[in-house]
Amino acid sequence: MPRRARFLPRGALWDGLEHISESCVTSPTVLLIEDQEWTARSIESILRPASFAVFKAYTGRQGLEIARKVNPDLVLVDRHLPDMSGRDVIDQLRKIRSIGVTTPMAVITSGALSHAEKLDMLRSGAWDVFTSPFDPEELSLRVQTWTTAKKEGDRAKKASLVDQDTGSYNFDGLSRRVREIVAESRRYERPMACIVLGEPLEVNGSIAKDHSENDVDRRMVAALHDVCRVSDAVGRVRDREFIVVAPSTDDAGAAVLAKRILDALDIAVSEVPIRAGVYSLKRSPREPLDLTDLLGPATAALRKAQSGNDRLSFHDLQQN
């Protein structure tokens, strides 16, 4: 017998969004996509006392919209929604980069499922299927376990992309961000630039290290973040060698940015002379590039500056 849908009031879609606070940021966030008011209230009454921040939607499309705004730690989605199936919602959520396959998702259903139907839900990416009426303790414990694992995974993922000494991107973090910048450059046919910074080379080709490396590197990163835009990728390649990848930056913009960076570093690390090598792509790349494709030409320009008297050296811009 088909169930009779009882829709949530439209105002419930944004329930909690206008009240986002520090508690919502630190508390595990659950996106509840459920069109039956009684079921939604039942789940909410279990989760809110357990310190979960619950955001509600009553259609699949609204759930997708909220998911993009709050990046939930867990999604609970009804098997049947007014506009799409729970399976389709999960499929669309998996395509959102910030959610992907690491965000736990579970299906809610008010009727018994056959073994084949349950397997179909699990194949779609659901971690489990909850059948109403729910066991409050079991639901709370499962959600707690999943959201804790999700947050720990997020922290580990973030740590693996960041240089622990300076807080800038490490090589893996830079590689990931550069792929995003290159994709954007190709999509919108925009230029981009890469600037590599380092100390002058000594006569024997080594880099002098008379100062505390981590202290100097931290001050360099602070100065770079002050000068660069939020969209620019700043990272450490090795001790006292840094890279800035700037999207939507042409030859002239790269020259201006490099000079601004050097001026800022003259103040921030006055005891260490810094040189810069610049590689600019005035046209969007025809083929996908990775970090090493940018590092090679920019580092070659840096080595030229490091071994000579010029503070700033450019890769032959006419070759790209």
C-alpha atoms as a PDB file:
ATOM      1  CA  MET A   1       0.000   0.000   0.000  1.00  0.00           C
ATOM      2  CA  PRO A   2       1.586   3.341  -1.014  1.00  0.00           C
ATOM      3  CA  ARG A   3       2.337   5.644   1.842  1.00  0.00           C
ATOM      4  CA  ARG A   4       0.675   9.010   2.120  1.00  0.00           C
ATOM      5  CA  ALA A   5       3.305  11.750   1.942  1.00  0.00           C
ATOM      6  CA  ARG A   6       3.232  14.504   4.499  1.00  0.00           C
ATOM      7  CA  PHE A   7       5.421  17.310   3.274  1.00  0.00           C
ATOM      8  CA  LEU A   8       7.628  19.438   5.442  1.00  0.00           C
ATOM      9  CA  PRO A   9       6.747  23.134   5.392  1.00  0.00           C
ATOM     10  CA  ARG A  10       8.805  25.080   2.906  1.00  0.00           C
ATOM     11  CA  GLY A  11      10.475  27.105   5.636  1.00  0.00           C
ATOM     12  CA  ALA A  12      12.071  23.926   6.955  1.00  0.00           C
ATOM     13  CA  LEU A  13      14.370  23.768   3.942  1.00  0.00           C
ATOM     14  CA  TRP A  14      16.644  26.408   5.396  1.00  0.00           C
ATOM     15  CA  ASP A  15      16.095  25.404   9.003  1.00  0.00           C
ATOM     16  CA  GLY A  16      19.346  26.239  10.742  1.00  0.00           C
ATOM     17  CA  LEU A  17      21.166  27.768   7.757  1.00  0.00           C
ATOM     18  CA  GLU A  18      20.534  31.295   8.924  1.00  0.00           C
ATOM     19  CA  HIS A  19      21.841  30.379  12.379  1.00  0.00           C
ATOM     20  CA  ILE A  20      25.218  28.927  11.425  1.00  0.00           C
ATOM     21  CA  SER A  21      27.652  29.622  14.260  1.00  0.00           C
ATOM     22  CA  GLU A  22      30.864  28.286  15.753  1.00  0.00           C
ATOM     23  CA  SER A  23      28.894  25.452  17.337  1.00  0.00           C
ATOM     24  CA  CYS A  24      27.654  24.388  13.902  1.00  0.00           C
ATOM     25  CA  VAL A  25      31.196  24.494  12.576  1.00  0.00           C
ATOM     26  CA  THR A  26      32.573  22.320  15.383  1.00  0.00           C
ATOM     27  CA  SER A  27      29.552  20.033  15.810  1.00  0.00           C
ATOM     28  CA  PRO A  28      29.096  17.153  13.359  1.00  0.00           C
ATOM     29  CA  THR A  29      26.673  18.239  10.632  1.00  0.00           C
ATOM     30  CA  VAL A  30      23.895  15.975   9.380  1.00  0.00           C
ATOM     31  CA  LEU A  31      21.892  16.721   6.233  1.00  0.00           C
ATOM     32  CA  LEU A  32      18.444  15.153   6.529  1.00  0.00           C
ATOM     33  CA  ILE A  33      16.569  14.891   3.214  1.00  0.00           C
ATOM     34  CA  GLU A  34      13.089  13.720   4.172  1.00  0.00           C
ATOM     35  CA  ASP A  35       9.634  14.718   2.898  1.00  0.00           C
ATOM     36  CA  GLN A  36       7.604  13.157   5.714  1.00  0.00           C
ATOM     37  CA  GLU A  37       7.287  15.576   8.600  1.00  0.00           C
ATOM     38  CA  TRP A  38       6.784  12.947  11.290  1.00  0.00           C
ATOM     39  CA  THR A  39       9.878  10.977  10.236  1.00  0.00           C
ATOM     40  CA  ALA A  40      12.002  14.123   9.998  1.00  0.00           C
ATOM     41  CA  ARG A  41      10.974  15.264  13.462  1.00  0.00           C
ATOM     42  CA  SER A  42      11.600  11.811  14.874  1.00  0.00           C
ATOM     43  CA  ILE A  43      15.161  11.693  13.534  1.00  0.00           C
ATOM     44  CA  GLU A  44      15.830  15.281  14.539  1.00  0.00           C
ATOM     45  CA  SER A  45      14.657  14.563  18.099  1.00  0.00           C
ATOM     46  CA  ILE A  46      17.240  11.775  18.302  1.00  0.00           C
ATOM     47  CA  LEU A  47      20.185  13.672  16.811  1.00  0.00           C
ATOM     48  CA  ARG A  48      19.893  17.213  18.154  1.00  0.00           C
ATOM     49  CA  PRO A  49      20.189  16.200  21.856  1.00  0.00           C
ATOM     50  CA  ALA A  50      23.343  14.292  20.869  1.00  0.00           C
ATOM     51  CA  SER A  51      24.909  17.609  19.706  1.00  0.00           C
ATOM     52  CA  PHE A  52      24.493  17.092  15.975  1.00  0.00           C
ATOM     53  CA  ALA A  53      23.764  20.133  13.804  1.00  0.00           C
ATOM     54  CA  VAL A  54      20.832  19.011  11.632  1.00  0.00           C
ATOM     55  CA  PHE A  55      19.974  20.672   8.310  1.00  0.00           C
ATOM     56  CA  LYS A  56      16.719  19.635   6.656  1.00  0.00           C
ATOM     57  CA  ALA A  57      15.459  19.477   3.085  1.00  0.00           C
ATOM     58  CA  TYR A  58      12.233  17.973   1.778  1.00  0.00           C
ATOM     59  CA  THR A  59      13.163  17.352  -1.867  1.00  0.00           C
ATOM     60  CA  GLY A  60      16.216  15.910  -3.541  1.00  0.00           C
ATOM     61  CA  ARG A  61      17.096  19.107  -5.394  1.00  0.00           C
ATOM     62  CA  GLN A  62      16.880  21.176  -2.237  1.00  0.00           C
ATOM     63  CA  GLY A  63      19.050  18.628  -0.462  1.00  0.00           C
ATOM     64  CA  LEU A  64      21.705  18.962  -3.162  1.00  0.00           C
ATOM     65  CA  GLU A  65      21.576  22.748  -2.838  1.00  0.00           C
ATOM     66  CA  ILE A  66      22.064  22.624   0.929  1.00  0.00           C
ATOM     67  CA  ALA A  67      24.818  20.008   0.609  1.00  0.00           C
ATOM     68  CA  ARG A  68      26.873  22.411  -1.492  1.00  0.00           C
ATOM     69  CA  LYS A  69      26.501  25.087   1.191  1.00  0.00           C
ATOM     70  CA  VAL A  70      27.214  23.137   4.373  1.00  0.00           C
ATOM     71  CA  ASN A  71      29.434  20.190   3.263  1.00  0.00           C
ATOM     72  CA  PRO A  72      27.746  17.781   5.705  1.00  0.00           C
ATOM     73  CA  ASP A  73      29.569  15.120   7.687  1.00  0.00           C
ATOM     74  CA  LEU A  74      26.667  12.726   7.073  1.00  0.00           C
ATOM     75  CA  VAL A  75      23.634  12.550   4.771  1.00  0.00           C
ATOM     76  CA  LEU A  76      20.388  10.747   5.612  1.00  0.00           C
ATOM     77  CA  VAL A  77      18.111  10.560   2.578  1.00  0.00           C
ATOM     78  CA  ASP A  78      14.650   9.082   2.154  1.00  0.00           C
ATOM     79  CA  ARG A  79      14.325   6.298  -0.375  1.00  0.00           C
ATOM     80  CA  HIS A  80      11.400   8.033  -2.121  1.00  0.00           C
ATOM     81  CA  LEU A  81      11.248  11.833  -2.493  1.00  0.00           C
ATOM     82  CA  PRO A  82       8.740  13.990  -4.410  1.00  0.00           C
ATOM     83  CA  ASP A  83      11.194  14.823  -7.202  1.00  0.00           C
ATOM     84  CA  MET A  84      13.754  12.016  -7.301  1.00  0.00           C
ATOM     85  CA  SER A  85      14.758   8.758  -5.673  1.00  0.00           C
ATOM     86  CA  GLY A  86      17.161   8.485  -2.773  1.00  0.00           C
ATOM     87  CA  ARG A  87      19.449   6.469  -5.025  1.00  0.00           C
ATOM     88  CA  ASP A  88      19.608   9.334  -7.526  1.00  0.00           C
ATOM     89  CA  VAL A  89      20.291  11.828  -4.737  1.00  0.00           C
ATOM     90  CA  ILE A  90      23.249   9.770  -3.541  1.00  0.00           C
ATOM     91  CA  ASP A  91      24.554   9.512  -7.094  1.00  0.00           C
ATOM     92  CA  GLN A  92      24.415  13.320  -7.490  1.00  0.00           C
ATOM     93  CA  LEU A  93      25.975  13.939  -4.077  1.00  0.00           C
ATOM     94  CA  ARG A  94      28.932  11.731  -4.938  1.00  0.00           C
ATOM     95  CA  LYS A  95      29.687  14.040  -7.867  1.00  0.00           C
ATOM     96  CA  ILE A  96      30.096  17.069  -5.585  1.00  0.00           C
ATOM     97  CA  ARG A  97      33.845  17.401  -5.030  1.00  0.00           C
ATOM     98  CA  SER A  98      33.614  18.468  -1.388  1.00  0.00           C
ATOM     99  CA  ILE A  99      31.431  15.444  -0.571  1.00  0.00           C
ATOM    100  CA  GLY A 100      32.607  12.629  -2.835  1.00  0.00           C
ATOM    101  CA  VAL A 101      32.836   9.040  -1.655  1.00  0.00           C
ATOM    102  CA  THR A 102      34.196   9.794   1.826  1.00  0.00           C
ATOM    103  CA  THR A 103      30.995  11.332   3.212  1.00  0.00           C
ATOM    104  CA  PRO A 104      28.793   8.713   4.911  1.00  0.00           C
ATOM    105  CA  MET A 105      25.288   8.407   3.456  1.00  0.00           C
ATOM    106  CA  ALA A 106      22.383   6.263   4.620  1.00  0.00           C
ATOM    107  CA  VAL A 107      18.946   5.602   3.168  1.00  0.00           C
ATOM    108  CA  ILE A 108      15.727   5.976   5.178  1.00  0.00           C
ATOM    109  CA  THR A 109      12.678   3.895   4.337  1.00  0.00           C
ATOM    110  CA  SER A 110       9.307   3.370   5.981  1.00  0.00           C
ATOM    111  CA  GLY A 111       8.676  -0.028   4.434  1.00  0.00           C
ATOM    112  CA  ALA A 112      10.542  -3.291   4.475  1.00  0.00           C
ATOM    113  CA  LEU A 113      13.099  -3.842   1.717  1.00  0.00           C
ATOM    114  CA  SER A 114      13.805  -7.084  -0.043  1.00  0.00           C
ATOM    115  CA  HIS A 115      17.370  -8.355   0.073  1.00  0.00           C
ATOM    116  CA  ALA A 116      17.855  -7.373  -3.577  1.00  0.00           C
ATOM    117  CA  GLU A 117      16.528  -3.848  -2.945  1.00  0.00           C
ATOM    118  CA  LYS A 118      18.850  -3.364   0.002  1.00  0.00           C
ATOM    119  CA  LEU A 119      21.827  -4.526  -2.026  1.00  0.00           C
ATOM    120  CA  ASP A 120      20.837  -2.047  -4.741  1.00  0.00           C
ATOM    121  CA  MET A 121      20.904   0.781  -2.191  1.00  0.00           C
ATOM    122  CA  LEU A 122      24.326  -0.313  -0.945  1.00  0.00           C
ATOM    123  CA  ARG A 123      25.663  -0.511  -4.499  1.00  0.00           C
ATOM    124  CA  SER A 124      24.540   3.077  -5.050  1.00  0.00           C
ATOM    125  CA  GLY A 125      26.947   4.197  -2.322  1.00  0.00           C
ATOM    126  CA  ALA A 126      24.723   4.072   0.766  1.00  0.00           C
ATOM    127  CA  TRP A 127      26.536   2.938   3.892  1.00  0.00           C
ATOM    128  CA  ASP A 128      23.395   1.455   5.410  1.00  0.00           C
ATOM    129  CA  VAL A 129      19.592   1.433   5.261  1.00  0.00           C
ATOM    130  CA  PHE A 130      17.440   2.479   8.235  1.00  0.00           C
ATOM    131  CA  THR A 131      13.862   1.234   8.400  1.00  0.00           C
ATOM    132  CA  SER A 132      11.246   3.200  10.346  1.00  0.00           C
ATOM    133  CA  PRO A 133      10.506   2.988  13.232  1.00  0.00           C
ATOM    134  CA  PHE A 134      14.105   3.573  14.312  1.00  0.00           C
ATOM    135  CA  ASP A 135      15.940   2.352  17.363  1.00  0.00           C
ATOM    136  CA  PRO A 136      17.038   5.727  18.817  1.00  0.00           C
ATOM    137  CA  GLU A 137      20.200   4.401  20.462  1.00  0.00           C
ATOM    138  CA  GLU A 138      21.310   2.450  17.400  1.00  0.00           C
ATOM    139  CA  LEU A 139      20.718   5.410  15.076  1.00  0.00           C
ATOM    140  CA  SER A 140      22.581   7.789  17.388  1.00  0.00           C
ATOM    141  CA  LEU A 141      25.554   5.436  17.823  1.00  0.00           C
ATOM    142  CA  ARG A 142      25.887   4.711  14.109  1.00  0.00           C
ATOM    143  CA  VAL A 143      25.708   8.389  13.209  1.00  0.00           C
ATOM    144  CA  GLN A 144      28.263   9.221  15.907  1.00  0.00           C
ATOM    145  CA  THR A 145      30.675   6.583  14.621  1.00  0.00           C
ATOM    146  CA  TRP A 146      30.344   7.692  11.005  1.00  0.00           C
ATOM    147  CA  THR A 147      30.674  11.429  11.636  1.00  0.00           C
ATOM    148  CA  THR A 148      33.682  10.925  13.920  1.00  0.00           C
ATOM    149  CA  ALA A 149      35.406   8.894  11.214  1.00  0.00           C
ATOM    150  CA  LYS A 150      34.519  11.531   8.608  1.00  0.00           C
ATOM    151  CA  LYS A 151      35.970  14.391  10.674  1.00  0.00           C
ATOM    152  CA  GLU A 152      39.149  12.440  11.450  1.00  0.00           C
ATOM    153  CA  GLY A 153      39.525  11.657   7.770  1.00  0.00           C
ATOM    154  CA  ASP A 154      39.064  15.330   6.881  1.00  0.00           C
ATOM    155  CA  ARG A 155      41.734  16.356   9.389  1.00  0.00           C
ATOM    156  CA  ALA A 156      44.177  13.765   8.090  1.00  0.00           C
ATOM    157  CA  LYS A 157      43.471  14.773   4.501  1.00  0.00           C
ATOM    158  CA  LYS A 158      44.072  18.430   5.296  1.00  0.00           C
ATOM    159  CA  ALA A 159      47.269  17.647   7.204  1.00  0.00           C
ATOM    160  CA  SER A 160      48.605  15.567   4.312  1.00  0.00           C
ATOM    161  CA  LEU A 161      48.350  18.542   1.940  1.00  0.00           C
ATOM    162  CA  VAL A 162      49.950  21.143   4.216  1.00  0.00           C
ATOM    163  CA  ASP A 163      53.588  21.700   5.139  1.00  0.00           C
ATOM    164  CA  GLN A 164      53.691  21.280   8.917  1.00  0.00           C
ATOM    165  CA  ASP A 165      56.490  23.827   9.476  1.00  0.00           C
ATOM    166  CA  THR A 166      54.998  26.748   7.552  1.00  0.00           C
ATOM    167  CA  GLY A 167      51.294  26.049   7.046  1.00  0.00           C
ATOM    168  CA  SER A 168      51.641  26.485   3.275  1.00  0.00           C
ATOM    169  CA  TYR A 169      50.925  23.770   0.724  1.00  0.00           C
ATOM    170  CA  ASN A 170      53.373  20.876   0.553  1.00  0.00           C
ATOM    171  CA  PHE A 171      54.168  19.185  -2.761  1.00  0.00           C
ATOM    172  CA  ASP A 172      51.016  17.049  -2.685  1.00  0.00           C
ATOM    173  CA  GLY A 173      48.854  20.036  -1.789  1.00  0.00           C
ATOM    174  CA  LEU A 174      50.442  22.133  -4.516  1.00  0.00           C
ATOM    175  CA  SER A 175      49.948  19.371  -7.060  1.00  0.00           C
ATOM    176  CA  ARG A 176      46.266  19.153  -6.257  1.00  0.00           C
ATOM    177  CA  ARG A 177      45.723  22.929  -6.347  1.00  0.00           C
ATOM    178  CA  VAL A 178      47.687  23.283  -9.588  1.00  0.00           C
ATOM    179  CA  ARG A 179      45.436  20.715 -11.267  1.00  0.00           C
ATOM    180  CA  GLU A 180      42.448  22.855 -10.291  1.00  0.00           C
ATOM    181  CA  ILE A 181      44.100  26.044 -11.591  1.00  0.00           C
ATOM    182  CA  VAL A 182      45.098  24.403 -14.879  1.00  0.00           C
ATOM    183  CA  ALA A 183      41.581  23.027 -15.365  1.00  0.00           C
ATOM    184  CA  GLU A 184      40.124  26.491 -14.779  1.00  0.00           C
ATOM    185  CA  SER A 185      42.645  28.064 -17.158  1.00  0.00           C
ATOM    186  CA  ARG A 186      41.744  25.608 -19.912  1.00  0.00           C
ATOM    187  CA  ARG A 187      38.000  25.894 -19.318  1.00  0.00           C
ATOM    188  CA  TYR A 188      37.897  29.692 -19.449  1.00  0.00           C
ATOM    189  CA  GLU A 189      40.970  30.208 -21.679  1.00  0.00           C
ATOM    190  CA  ARG A 190      42.795  32.283 -19.101  1.00  0.00           C
ATOM    191  CA  PRO A 191      46.544  32.814 -18.637  1.00  0.00           C
ATOM    192  CA  MET A 192      48.466  31.671 -15.571  1.00  0.00           C
ATOM    193  CA  ALA A 193      51.902  32.164 -14.067  1.00  0.00           C
ATOM    194  CA  CYS A 194      54.366  30.302 -11.864  1.00  0.00           C
ATOM    195  CA  ILE A 195      56.953  32.045  -9.656  1.00  0.00           C
ATOM    196  CA  VAL A 196      59.683  30.115  -7.826  1.00  0.00           C
ATOM    197  CA  LEU A 197      61.635  31.839  -5.050  1.00  0.00           C
ATOM    198  CA  GLY A 198      64.966  30.913  -3.454  1.00  0.00           C
ATOM    199  CA  GLU A 199      68.290  32.127  -2.086  1.00  0.00           C
ATOM    200  CA  PRO A 200      71.319  32.925  -4.271  1.00  0.00           C
ATOM    201  CA  LEU A 201      73.647  30.004  -5.005  1.00  0.00           C
ATOM    202  CA  GLU A 202      77.124  29.991  -3.525  1.00  0.00           C
ATOM    203  CA  VAL A 203      80.129  29.531  -5.745  1.00  0.00           C
ATOM    204  CA  ASN A 204      80.000  25.758  -5.217  1.00  0.00           C
ATOM    205  CA  GLY A 205      76.344  25.650  -6.205  1.00  0.00           C
ATOM    206  CA  SER A 206      74.908  25.061  -2.728  1.00  0.00           C
ATOM    207  CA  ILE A 207      72.526  27.348  -0.874  1.00  0.00           C
ATOM    208  CA  ALA A 208      73.783  29.150   2.214  1.00  0.00           C
ATOM    209  CA  LYS A 209      72.007  28.241   5.463  1.00  0.00           C
ATOM    210  CA  ASP A 210      73.296  30.584   8.139  1.00  0.00           C
ATOM    211  CA  HIS A 211      69.897  31.259   9.651  1.00  0.00           C
ATOM    212  CA  SER A 212      67.203  29.174  11.322  1.00  0.00           C
ATOM    213  CA  GLU A 213      65.503  27.575   8.321  1.00  0.00           C
ATOM    214  CA  ASN A 214      62.048  27.155   9.801  1.00  0.00           C
ATOM    215  CA  ASP A 215      61.951  30.683  11.207  1.00  0.00           C
ATOM    216  CA  VAL A 216      62.924  32.207   7.872  1.00  0.00           C
ATOM    217  CA  ASP A 217      60.530  29.960   5.971  1.00  0.00           C
ATOM    218  CA  ARG A 218      57.627  30.880   8.242  1.00  0.00           C
ATOM    219  CA  ARG A 219      58.287  34.589   7.767  1.00  0.00           C
ATOM    220  CA  MET A 220      58.542  34.100   4.023  1.00  0.00           C
ATOM    221  CA  VAL A 221      55.188  32.319   3.926  1.00  0.00           C
ATOM    222  CA  ALA A 222      53.540  35.031   6.030  1.00  0.00           C
ATOM    223  CA  ALA A 223      54.817  37.689   3.622  1.00  0.00           C
ATOM    224  CA  LEU A 224      53.679  35.683   0.593  1.00  0.00           C
ATOM    225  CA  HIS A 225      50.174  35.311   1.979  1.00  0.00           C
ATOM    226  CA  ASP A 226      50.035  39.069   2.620  1.00  0.00           C
ATOM    227  CA  VAL A 227      50.977  39.880  -0.979  1.00  0.00           C
ATOM    228  CA  CYS A 228      49.273  37.106  -2.931  1.00  0.00           C
ATOM    229  CA  ARG A 229      45.573  36.697  -3.640  1.00  0.00           C
ATOM    230  CA  VAL A 230      43.427  34.082  -1.980  1.00  0.00           C
ATOM    231  CA  SER A 231      43.188  32.268  -5.328  1.00  0.00           C
ATOM    232  CA  ASP A 232      46.989  31.999  -5.637  1.00  0.00           C
ATOM    233  CA  ALA A 233      48.603  28.726  -4.543  1.00  0.00           C
ATOM    234  CA  VAL A 234      51.543  29.232  -2.170  1.00  0.00           C
ATOM    235  CA  GLY A 235      53.721  26.284  -1.175  1.00  0.00           C
ATOM    236  CA  ARG A 236      57.160  25.131  -0.085  1.00  0.00           C
ATOM    237  CA  VAL A 237      59.145  23.068  -2.570  1.00  0.00           C
ATOM    238  CA  ARG A 238      62.109  22.562  -0.233  1.00  0.00           C
ATOM    239  CA  ASP A 239      63.939  24.537   2.492  1.00  0.00           C
ATOM    240  CA  ARG A 240      63.849  28.211   1.533  1.00  0.00           C
ATOM    241  CA  GLU A 241      62.464  27.507  -1.887  1.00  0.00           C
ATOM    242  CA  PHE A 242      58.857  28.450  -2.486  1.00  0.00           C
ATOM    243  CA  ILE A 243      56.420  28.520  -5.365  1.00  0.00           C
ATOM    244  CA  VAL A 244      53.472  30.739  -6.186  1.00  0.00           C
ATOM    245  CA  VAL A 245      51.040  29.646  -8.910  1.00  0.00           C
ATOM    246  CA  ALA A 246      48.793  32.523  -9.919  1.00  0.00           C
ATOM    247  CA  PRO A 247      45.651  31.929 -12.014  1.00  0.00           C
ATOM    248  CA  SER A 248      44.389  34.556 -14.478  1.00  0.00           C
ATOM    249  CA  THR A 249      47.832  36.213 -14.529  1.00  0.00           C
ATOM    250  CA  ASP A 250      49.488  37.221 -17.815  1.00  0.00           C
ATOM    251  CA  ASP A 251      53.119  38.194 -18.516  1.00  0.00           C
ATOM    252  CA  ALA A 252      52.748  41.733 -17.231  1.00  0.00           C
ATOM    253  CA  GLY A 253      50.808  40.620 -14.173  1.00  0.00           C
ATOM    254  CA  ALA A 254      53.431  37.989 -13.371  1.00  0.00           C
ATOM    255  CA  ALA A 255      56.201  40.586 -13.525  1.00  0.00           C
ATOM    256  CA  VAL A 256      54.301  42.944 -11.228  1.00  0.00           C
ATOM    257  CA  LEU A 257      53.476  40.152  -8.762  1.00  0.00           C
ATOM    258  CA  ALA A 258      57.074  38.895  -8.676  1.00  0.00           C
ATOM    259  CA  LYS A 259      58.412  42.380  -7.934  1.00  0.00           C
ATOM    260  CA  ARG A 260      55.823  42.914  -5.199  1.00  0.00           C
ATOM    261  CA  ILE A 261      56.793  39.604  -3.643  1.00  0.00           C
ATOM    262  CA  LEU A 262      60.502  40.434  -3.682  1.00  0.00           C
ATOM    263  CA  ASP A 263      59.842  43.842  -2.127  1.00  0.00           C
ATOM    264  CA  ALA A 264      57.796  42.231   0.642  1.00  0.00           C
ATOM    265  CA  LEU A 265      60.477  39.605   1.291  1.00  0.00           C
ATOM    266  CA  ASP A 266      63.145  42.309   1.498  1.00  0.00           C
ATOM    267  CA  ILE A 267      61.318  43.499   4.609  1.00  0.00           C
ATOM    268  CA  ALA A 268      60.180  40.161   6.042  1.00  0.00           C
ATOM    269  CA  VAL A 269      63.517  38.337   5.685  1.00  0.00           C
ATOM    270  CA  SER A 270      65.990  41.162   5.192  1.00  0.00           C
ATOM    271  CA  GLU A 271      68.884  38.932   6.321  1.00  0.00           C
ATOM    272  CA  VAL A 272      68.322  36.536   3.413  1.00  0.00           C
ATOM    273  CA  PRO A 273      68.540  37.782  -0.193  1.00  0.00           C
ATOM    274  CA  ILE A 274      65.831  36.180  -2.296  1.00  0.00           C
ATOM    275  CA  ARG A 275      65.777  35.606  -6.044  1.00  0.00           C
ATOM    276  CA  ALA A 276      62.802  34.785  -8.277  1.00  0.00           C
ATOM    277  CA  GLY A 277      62.241  32.844 -11.472  1.00  0.00           C
ATOM    278  CA  VAL A 278      59.056  33.402 -13.482  1.00  0.00           C
ATOM    279  CA  TYR A 279      57.286  31.213 -16.012  1.00  0.00           C
ATOM    280  CA  SER A 280      54.141  32.651 -17.565  1.00  0.00           C
ATOM    281  CA  LEU A 281      51.583  30.981 -19.809  1.00  0.00           C
ATOM    282  CA  LYS A 282      49.934  33.817 -21.683  1.00  0.00           C
ATOM    283  CA  ARG A 283      47.539  31.366 -23.331  1.00  0.00           C
ATOM    284  CA  SER A 284      45.591  28.621 -21.641  1.00  0.00           C
ATOM    285  CA  PRO A 285      47.442  25.282 -21.943  1.00  0.00           C
ATOM    286  CA  ARG A 286      46.205  23.032 -24.735  1.00  0.00           C
ATOM    287  CA  GLU A 287      46.974  19.894 -22.742  1.00  0.00           C
ATOM    288  CA  PRO A 288      46.601  19.213 -19.012  1.00  0.00           C
ATOM    289  CA  LEU A 289      49.705  20.225 -17.057  1.00  0.00           C
ATOM    290  CA  ASP A 290      50.903  19.187 -13.628  1.00  0.00           C
ATOM    291  CA  LEU A 291      53.108  20.879 -11.055  1.00  0.00           C
ATOM    292  CA  THR A 292      56.357  19.574 -12.534  1.00  0.00           C
ATOM    293  CA  ASP A 293      55.483  21.064 -15.934  1.00  0.00           C
ATOM    294  CA  LEU A 294      55.406  24.498 -14.299  1.00  0.00           C
ATOM    295  CA  LEU A 295      58.276  23.934 -11.876  1.00  0.00           C
ATOM    296  CA  GLY A 296      60.758  23.001 -14.598  1.00  0.00           C
ATOM    297  CA  PRO A 297      60.781  26.273 -16.582  1.00  0.00           C
ATOM    298  CA  ALA A 298      60.283  28.464 -13.488  1.00  0.00           C
ATOM    299  CA  THR A 299      63.105  26.732 -11.605  1.00  0.00           C
ATOM    300  CA  ALA A 300      65.400  27.091 -14.623  1.00  0.00           C
ATOM    301  CA  ALA A 301      64.690  30.830 -14.551  1.00  0.00           C
ATOM    302  CA  LEU A 302      65.342  30.890 -10.784  1.00  0.00           C
ATOM    303  CA  ARG A 303      68.705  29.120 -11.169  1.00  0.00           C
ATOM    304  CA  LYS A 304      69.712  31.760 -13.690  1.00  0.00           C
ATOM    305  CA  ALA A 305      68.851  34.505 -11.194  1.00  0.00           C
ATOM    306  CA  GLN A 306      70.526  32.633  -8.325  1.00  0.00           C
ATOM    307  CA  SER A 307      73.819  32.302 -10.171  1.00  0.00           C
ATOM    308  CA  GLY A 308      73.895  35.880 -11.472  1.00  0.00           C
ATOM    309  CA  ASN A 309      73.362  39.414 -10.290  1.00  0.00           C
ATOM    310  CA  ASP A 310      69.706  39.793 -11.240  1.00  0.00           C
ATOM    311  CA  ARG A 311      67.040  39.350  -8.577  1.00  0.00           C
ATOM    312  CA  LEU A 312      64.439  38.358 -11.138  1.00  0.00           C
ATOM    313  CA  SER A 313      64.681  36.144 -14.207  1.00  0.00           C
ATOM    314  CA  PHE A 314      62.025  35.172 -16.739  1.00  0.00           C
ATOM    315  CA  HIS A 315      61.714  31.984 -18.717  1.00  0.00           C
ATOM    316  CA  ASP A 316      61.555  32.673 -22.453  1.00  0.00           C
ATOM    317  CA  LEU A 317      57.922  33.758 -22.595  1.00  0.00           C
ATOM    318  CA  GLN A 318      57.743  33.461 -26.374  1.00  0.00           C
ATOM    319  CA  GLN A 319      58.072  29.675 -26.194  1.00  0.00           C
ATOM    320  CA  ASN A 320      54.587  29.103 -24.749  1.00  0.00           C
END
